[in-house]
PDB file of all heavy atoms in Angstrom:
ATOM      1  N   GLN A   1      95.417 110.132  92.778  1.00  0.00           N
ATOM      2  CA  GLN A   1      94.370 109.304  93.357  1.00  0.00           C
ATOM      3  C   GLN A   1      93.830 110.018  94.635  1.00  0.00           C
ATOM      4  O   GLN A   1      94.611 110.616  95.370  1.00  0.00           O
ATOM      5  CB  GLN A   1      94.922 107.952  93.744  1.00  0.00           C
ATOM      6  CG  GLN A   1      95.292 107.109  92.549  1.00  0.00           C
ATOM      7  CD  GLN A   1      95.764 105.703  92.954  1.00  0.00           C
ATOM      8  OE1 GLN A   1      95.881 105.405  94.173  1.00  0.00           O
ATOM      9  NE2 GLN A   1      95.918 104.869  92.005  1.00  0.00           N
ATOM     10  N   ASP A   2      92.454 109.952  94.888  1.00  0.00           N
ATOM     11  CA  ASP A   2      91.834 110.514  96.051  1.00  0.00           C
ATOM     12  C   ASP A   2      91.681 109.405  97.108  1.00  0.00           C
ATOM     13  O   ASP A   2      90.929 108.429  96.918  1.00  0.00           O
ATOM     14  CB  ASP A   2      90.414 111.041  95.675  1.00  0.00           C
ATOM     15  CG  ASP A   2      89.737 111.766  96.801  1.00  0.00           C
ATOM     16  OD1 ASP A   2      90.183 111.612  97.993  1.00  0.00           O
ATOM     17  OD2 ASP A   2      88.830 112.533  96.571  1.00  0.00           O
ATOM     18  N   ALA A   3      92.484 109.484  98.156  1.00  0.00           N
ATOM     19  CA  ALA A   3      92.470 108.442  99.174  1.00  0.00           C
ATOM     20  C   ALA A   3      91.122 108.223  99.778  1.00  0.00           C
ATOM     21  O   ALA A   3      90.694 107.091 100.069  1.00  0.00           O
ATOM     22  CB  ALA A   3      93.524 108.786 100.265  1.00  0.00           C
ATOM     23  N   ALA A   4      90.371 109.336 100.143  1.00  0.00           N
ATOM     24  CA  ALA A   4      89.071 109.208 100.777  1.00  0.00           C
ATOM     25  C   ALA A   4      88.070 108.487  99.815  1.00  0.00           C
ATOM     26  O   ALA A   4      87.264 107.697 100.284  1.00  0.00           O
ATOM     27  CB  ALA A   4      88.538 110.568 101.128  1.00  0.00           C
ATOM     28  N   ALA A   5      88.144 108.846  98.508  1.00  0.00           N
ATOM     29  CA  ALA A   5      87.222 108.215  97.548  1.00  0.00           C
ATOM     30  C   ALA A   5      87.540 106.709  97.468  1.00  0.00           C
ATOM     31  O   ALA A   5      86.568 105.911  97.374  1.00  0.00           O
ATOM     32  CB  ALA A   5      87.408 108.839  96.201  1.00  0.00           C
ATOM     33  N   GLU A   6      88.764 106.271  97.540  1.00  0.00           N
ATOM     34  CA  GLU A   6      89.102 104.888  97.515  1.00  0.00           C
ATOM     35  C   GLU A   6      88.523 104.173  98.688  1.00  0.00           C
ATOM     36  O   GLU A   6      88.039 103.026  98.621  1.00  0.00           O
ATOM     37  CB  GLU A   6      90.620 104.727  97.412  1.00  0.00           C
ATOM     38  CG  GLU A   6      91.232 105.171  96.105  1.00  0.00           C
ATOM     39  CD  GLU A   6      90.739 104.257  94.920  1.00  0.00           C
ATOM     40  OE1 GLU A   6      90.574 103.052  95.111  1.00  0.00           O
ATOM     41  OE2 GLU A   6      90.490 104.821  93.847  1.00  0.00           O
ATOM     42  N   LEU A   7      88.698 104.762  99.921  1.00  0.00           N
ATOM     43  CA  LEU A   7      88.159 104.177 101.076  1.00  0.00           C
ATOM     44  C   LEU A   7      86.639 104.061 101.055  1.00  0.00           C
ATOM     45  O   LEU A   7      86.077 103.070 101.469  1.00  0.00           O
ATOM     46  CB  LEU A   7      88.600 104.979 102.378  1.00  0.00           C
ATOM     47  CG  LEU A   7      90.117 104.860 102.711  1.00  0.00           C
ATOM     48  CD1 LEU A   7      90.412 105.798 103.899  1.00  0.00           C
ATOM     49  CD2 LEU A   7      90.415 103.423 103.139  1.00  0.00           C
ATOM     50  N   GLU A   8      86.012 105.119 100.535  1.00  0.00           N
ATOM     51  CA  GLU A   8      84.531 105.115 100.403  1.00  0.00           C
ATOM     52  C   GLU A   8      84.076 103.942  99.519  1.00  0.00           C
ATOM     53  O   GLU A   8      83.105 103.252  99.786  1.00  0.00           O
ATOM     54  CB  GLU A   8      84.097 106.445  99.826  1.00  0.00           C
ATOM     55  CG  GLU A   8      82.517 106.512  99.663  1.00  0.00           C
ATOM     56  CD  GLU A   8      82.126 107.836  99.002  1.00  0.00           C
ATOM     57  OE1 GLU A   8      83.023 108.694  98.834  1.00  0.00           O
ATOM     58  OE2 GLU A   8      80.907 107.965  98.742  1.00  0.00           O
ATOM     59  N   LYS A   9      84.769 103.740  98.456  1.00  0.00           N
ATOM     60  CA  LYS A   9      84.443 102.632  97.512  1.00  0.00           C
ATOM     61  C   LYS A   9      84.637 101.292  98.227  1.00  0.00           C
ATOM     62  O   LYS A   9      83.789 100.382  98.052  1.00  0.00           O
ATOM     63  CB  LYS A   9      85.407 102.716  96.296  1.00  0.00           C
ATOM     64  CG  LYS A   9      85.170 101.633  95.325  1.00  0.00           C
ATOM     65  CD  LYS A   9      86.132 101.843  94.150  1.00  0.00           C
ATOM     66  CE  LYS A   9      85.912 100.693  93.071  1.00  0.00           C
ATOM     67  NZ  LYS A   9      86.877 100.806  91.943  1.00  0.00           N
ATOM     68  N   LYS A  10      85.703 101.195  99.086  1.00  0.00           N
ATOM     69  CA  LYS A  10      85.888  99.958  99.795  1.00  0.00           C
ATOM     70  C   LYS A  10      84.774  99.584 100.742  1.00  0.00           C
ATOM     71  O   LYS A  10      84.280  98.458 100.776  1.00  0.00           O
ATOM     72  CB  LYS A  10      87.218 100.082 100.554  1.00  0.00           C
ATOM     73  CG  LYS A  10      87.547  98.894 101.484  1.00  0.00           C
ATOM     74  CD  LYS A  10      88.851  99.170 102.225  1.00  0.00           C
ATOM     75  CE  LYS A  10      89.120  97.988 103.172  1.00  0.00           C
ATOM     76  NZ  LYS A  10      90.376  98.227 103.952  1.00  0.00           N
ATOM     77  N   TYR A  11      84.293 100.599 101.511  1.00  0.00           N
ATOM     78  CA  TYR A  11      83.274 100.367 102.475  1.00  0.00           C
ATOM     79  C   TYR A  11      81.945 100.121 101.762  1.00  0.00           C
ATOM     80  O   TYR A  11      81.049  99.408 102.234  1.00  0.00           O
ATOM     81  CB  TYR A  11      83.148 101.514 103.474  1.00  0.00           C
ATOM     82  CG  TYR A  11      84.262 101.429 104.530  1.00  0.00           C
ATOM     83  CD1 TYR A  11      85.364 102.262 104.472  1.00  0.00           C
ATOM     84  CD2 TYR A  11      84.194 100.496 105.606  1.00  0.00           C
ATOM     85  CE1 TYR A  11      86.361 102.202 105.437  1.00  0.00           C
ATOM     86  CE2 TYR A  11      85.180 100.406 106.558  1.00  0.00           C
ATOM     87  CZ  TYR A  11      86.220 101.265 106.468  1.00  0.00           C
ATOM     88  OH  TYR A  11      87.268 101.159 107.379  1.00  0.00           O
ATOM     89  N   ALA A  12      81.738 100.733 100.636  1.00  0.00           N
ATOM     90  CA  ALA A  12      80.505 100.500  99.868  1.00  0.00           C
ATOM     91  C   ALA A  12      80.469  99.106  99.392  1.00  0.00           C
ATOM     92  O   ALA A  12      79.381  98.499  99.460  1.00  0.00           O
ATOM     93  CB  ALA A  12      80.458 101.532  98.724  1.00  0.00           C
ATOM     94  N   GLU A  13      81.536  98.584  98.971  1.00  0.00           N
ATOM     95  CA  GLU A  13      81.586  97.214  98.488  1.00  0.00           C
ATOM     96  C   GLU A  13      81.362  96.231  99.656  1.00  0.00           C
ATOM     97  O   GLU A  13      80.712  95.221  99.519  1.00  0.00           O
ATOM     98  CB  GLU A  13      82.968  96.940  97.803  1.00  0.00           C
ATOM     99  CG  GLU A  13      83.103  97.665  96.505  1.00  0.00           C
ATOM    100  CD  GLU A  13      84.478  97.431  95.854  1.00  0.00           C
ATOM    101  OE1 GLU A  13      85.328  96.862  96.588  1.00  0.00           O
ATOM    102  OE2 GLU A  13      84.691  97.797  94.668  1.00  0.00           O
ATOM    103  N   ALA A  14      81.952  96.604 100.867  1.00  0.00           N
ATOM    104  CA  ALA A  14      81.713  95.746 102.057  1.00  0.00           C
ATOM    105  C   ALA A  14      80.261  95.735 102.463  1.00  0.00           C
ATOM    106  O   ALA A  14      79.757  94.685 102.792  1.00  0.00           O
ATOM    107  CB  ALA A  14      82.620  96.282 103.194  1.00  0.00           C
ATOM    108  N   GLY A  15      79.586  96.870 102.377  1.00  0.00           N
ATOM    109  CA  GLY A  15      78.168  96.910 102.792  1.00  0.00           C
ATOM    110  C   GLY A  15      77.322  96.085 101.846  1.00  0.00           C
ATOM    111  O   GLY A  15      76.356  95.410 102.233  1.00  0.00           O
ATOM    112  N   SER A  16      77.651  96.129 100.598  1.00  0.00           N
ATOM    113  CA  SER A  16      76.901  95.359  99.578  1.00  0.00           C
ATOM    114  C   SER A  16      77.073  93.863  99.842  1.00  0.00           C
ATOM    115  O   SER A  16      76.111  93.121  99.759  1.00  0.00           O
ATOM    116  CB  SER A  16      77.434  95.713  98.165  1.00  0.00           C
ATOM    117  OG  SER A  16      76.770  94.923  97.213  1.00  0.00           O
ATOM    118  N   THR A  17      78.239  93.469 100.182  1.00  0.00           N
ATOM    119  CA  THR A  17      78.470  92.090 100.504  1.00  0.00           C
ATOM    120  C   THR A  17      77.698  91.617 101.674  1.00  0.00           C
ATOM    121  O   THR A  17      77.111  90.516 101.731  1.00  0.00           O
ATOM    122  CB  THR A  17      80.011  91.831 100.756  1.00  0.00           C
ATOM    123  OG1 THR A  17      80.714  92.257  99.529  1.00  0.00           O
ATOM    124  CG2 THR A  17      80.306  90.391 101.048  1.00  0.00           C
ATOM    125  N   ALA A  18      77.586  92.480 102.757  1.00  0.00           N
ATOM    126  CA  ALA A  18      76.860  92.138 103.964  1.00  0.00           C
ATOM    127  C   ALA A  18      75.421  92.004 103.647  1.00  0.00           C
ATOM    128  O   ALA A  18      74.697  91.155 104.199  1.00  0.00           O
ATOM    129  CB  ALA A  18      77.120  93.217 105.059  1.00  0.00           C
ATOM    130  N   ALA A  19      74.815  92.843 102.839  1.00  0.00           N
ATOM    131  CA  ALA A  19      73.422  92.800 102.493  1.00  0.00           C
ATOM    132  C   ALA A  19      73.161  91.501 101.741  1.00  0.00           C
ATOM    133  O   ALA A  19      72.105  90.828 102.002  1.00  0.00           O
ATOM    134  CB  ALA A  19      73.077  93.999 101.620  1.00  0.00           C
ATOM    135  N   VAL A  20      73.972  91.106 100.925  1.00  0.00           N
ATOM    136  CA  VAL A  20      73.846  89.785 100.163  1.00  0.00           C
ATOM    137  C   VAL A  20      73.849  88.645 101.144  1.00  0.00           C
ATOM    138  O   VAL A  20      73.048  87.720 101.025  1.00  0.00           O
ATOM    139  CB  VAL A  20      74.947  89.658  99.120  1.00  0.00           C
ATOM    140  CG1 VAL A  20      74.871  88.282  98.462  1.00  0.00           C
ATOM    141  CG2 VAL A  20      74.748  90.706  98.000  1.00  0.00           C
ATOM    142  N   ASP A  21      74.779  88.719 102.107  1.00  0.00           N
ATOM    143  CA  ASP A  21      74.888  87.619 103.112  1.00  0.00           C
ATOM    144  C   ASP A  21      73.582  87.537 103.911  1.00  0.00           C
ATOM    145  O   ASP A  21      73.071  86.459 104.221  1.00  0.00           O
ATOM    146  CB  ASP A  21      76.081  87.867 104.011  1.00  0.00           C
ATOM    147  CG  ASP A  21      77.382  87.679 103.309  1.00  0.00           C
ATOM    148  OD1 ASP A  21      77.387  87.037 102.214  1.00  0.00           O
ATOM    149  OD2 ASP A  21      78.451  88.157 103.755  1.00  0.00           O
ATOM    150  N   ASP A  22      72.975  88.686 104.333  1.00  0.00           N
ATOM    151  CA  ASP A  22      71.708  88.685 105.117  1.00  0.00           C
ATOM    152  C   ASP A  22      70.618  88.115 104.259  1.00  0.00           C
ATOM    153  O   ASP A  22      69.793  87.314 104.802  1.00  0.00           O
ATOM    154  CB  ASP A  22      71.399  90.109 105.501  1.00  0.00           C
ATOM    155  CG  ASP A  22      72.356  90.661 106.592  1.00  0.00           C
ATOM    156  OD1 ASP A  22      73.033  89.821 107.202  1.00  0.00           O
ATOM    157  OD2 ASP A  22      72.432  91.872 106.738  1.00  0.00           O
ATOM    158  N   GLU A  23      70.531  88.486 103.003  1.00  0.00           N
ATOM    159  CA  GLU A  23      69.495  87.988 102.101  1.00  0.00           C
ATOM    160  C   GLU A  23      69.606  86.507 101.937  1.00  0.00           C
ATOM    161  O   GLU A  23      68.563  85.711 101.929  1.00  0.00           O
ATOM    162  CB  GLU A  23      69.566  88.738 100.817  1.00  0.00           C
ATOM    163  CG  GLU A  23      68.452  88.405  99.805  1.00  0.00           C
ATOM    164  CD  GLU A  23      67.092  88.957 100.246  1.00  0.00           C
ATOM    165  OE1 GLU A  23      67.102  89.883 101.033  1.00  0.00           O
ATOM    166  OE2 GLU A  23      66.105  88.411  99.730  1.00  0.00           O
ATOM    167  N   LEU A  24      70.816  85.969 101.849  1.00  0.00           N
ATOM    168  CA  LEU A  24      71.054  84.569 101.678  1.00  0.00           C
ATOM    169  C   LEU A  24      70.623  83.755 102.963  1.00  0.00           C
ATOM    170  O   LEU A  24      70.034  82.705 102.883  1.00  0.00           O
ATOM    171  CB  LEU A  24      72.543  84.301 101.404  1.00  0.00           C
ATOM    172  CG  LEU A  24      72.974  82.886 101.232  1.00  0.00           C
ATOM    173  CD1 LEU A  24      72.231  82.194 100.072  1.00  0.00           C
ATOM    174  CD2 LEU A  24      74.443  82.732 101.061  1.00  0.00           C
ATOM    175  N   ALA A  25      70.882  84.405 104.133  1.00  0.00           N
ATOM    176  CA  ALA A  25      70.522  83.707 105.402  1.00  0.00           C
ATOM    177  C   ALA A  25      68.990  83.607 105.527  1.00  0.00           C
ATOM    178  O   ALA A  25      68.465  82.616 105.922  1.00  0.00           O
ATOM    179  CB  ALA A  25      71.088  84.493 106.582  1.00  0.00           C
TER     180      ALA A  25
END
């Protein structure tokens, strides 16, 4: 497993969630 790639995926998912929250507001 690539630790950096896993972290990148985590933050990408977090950013997507924040964008959805802004659009909902």
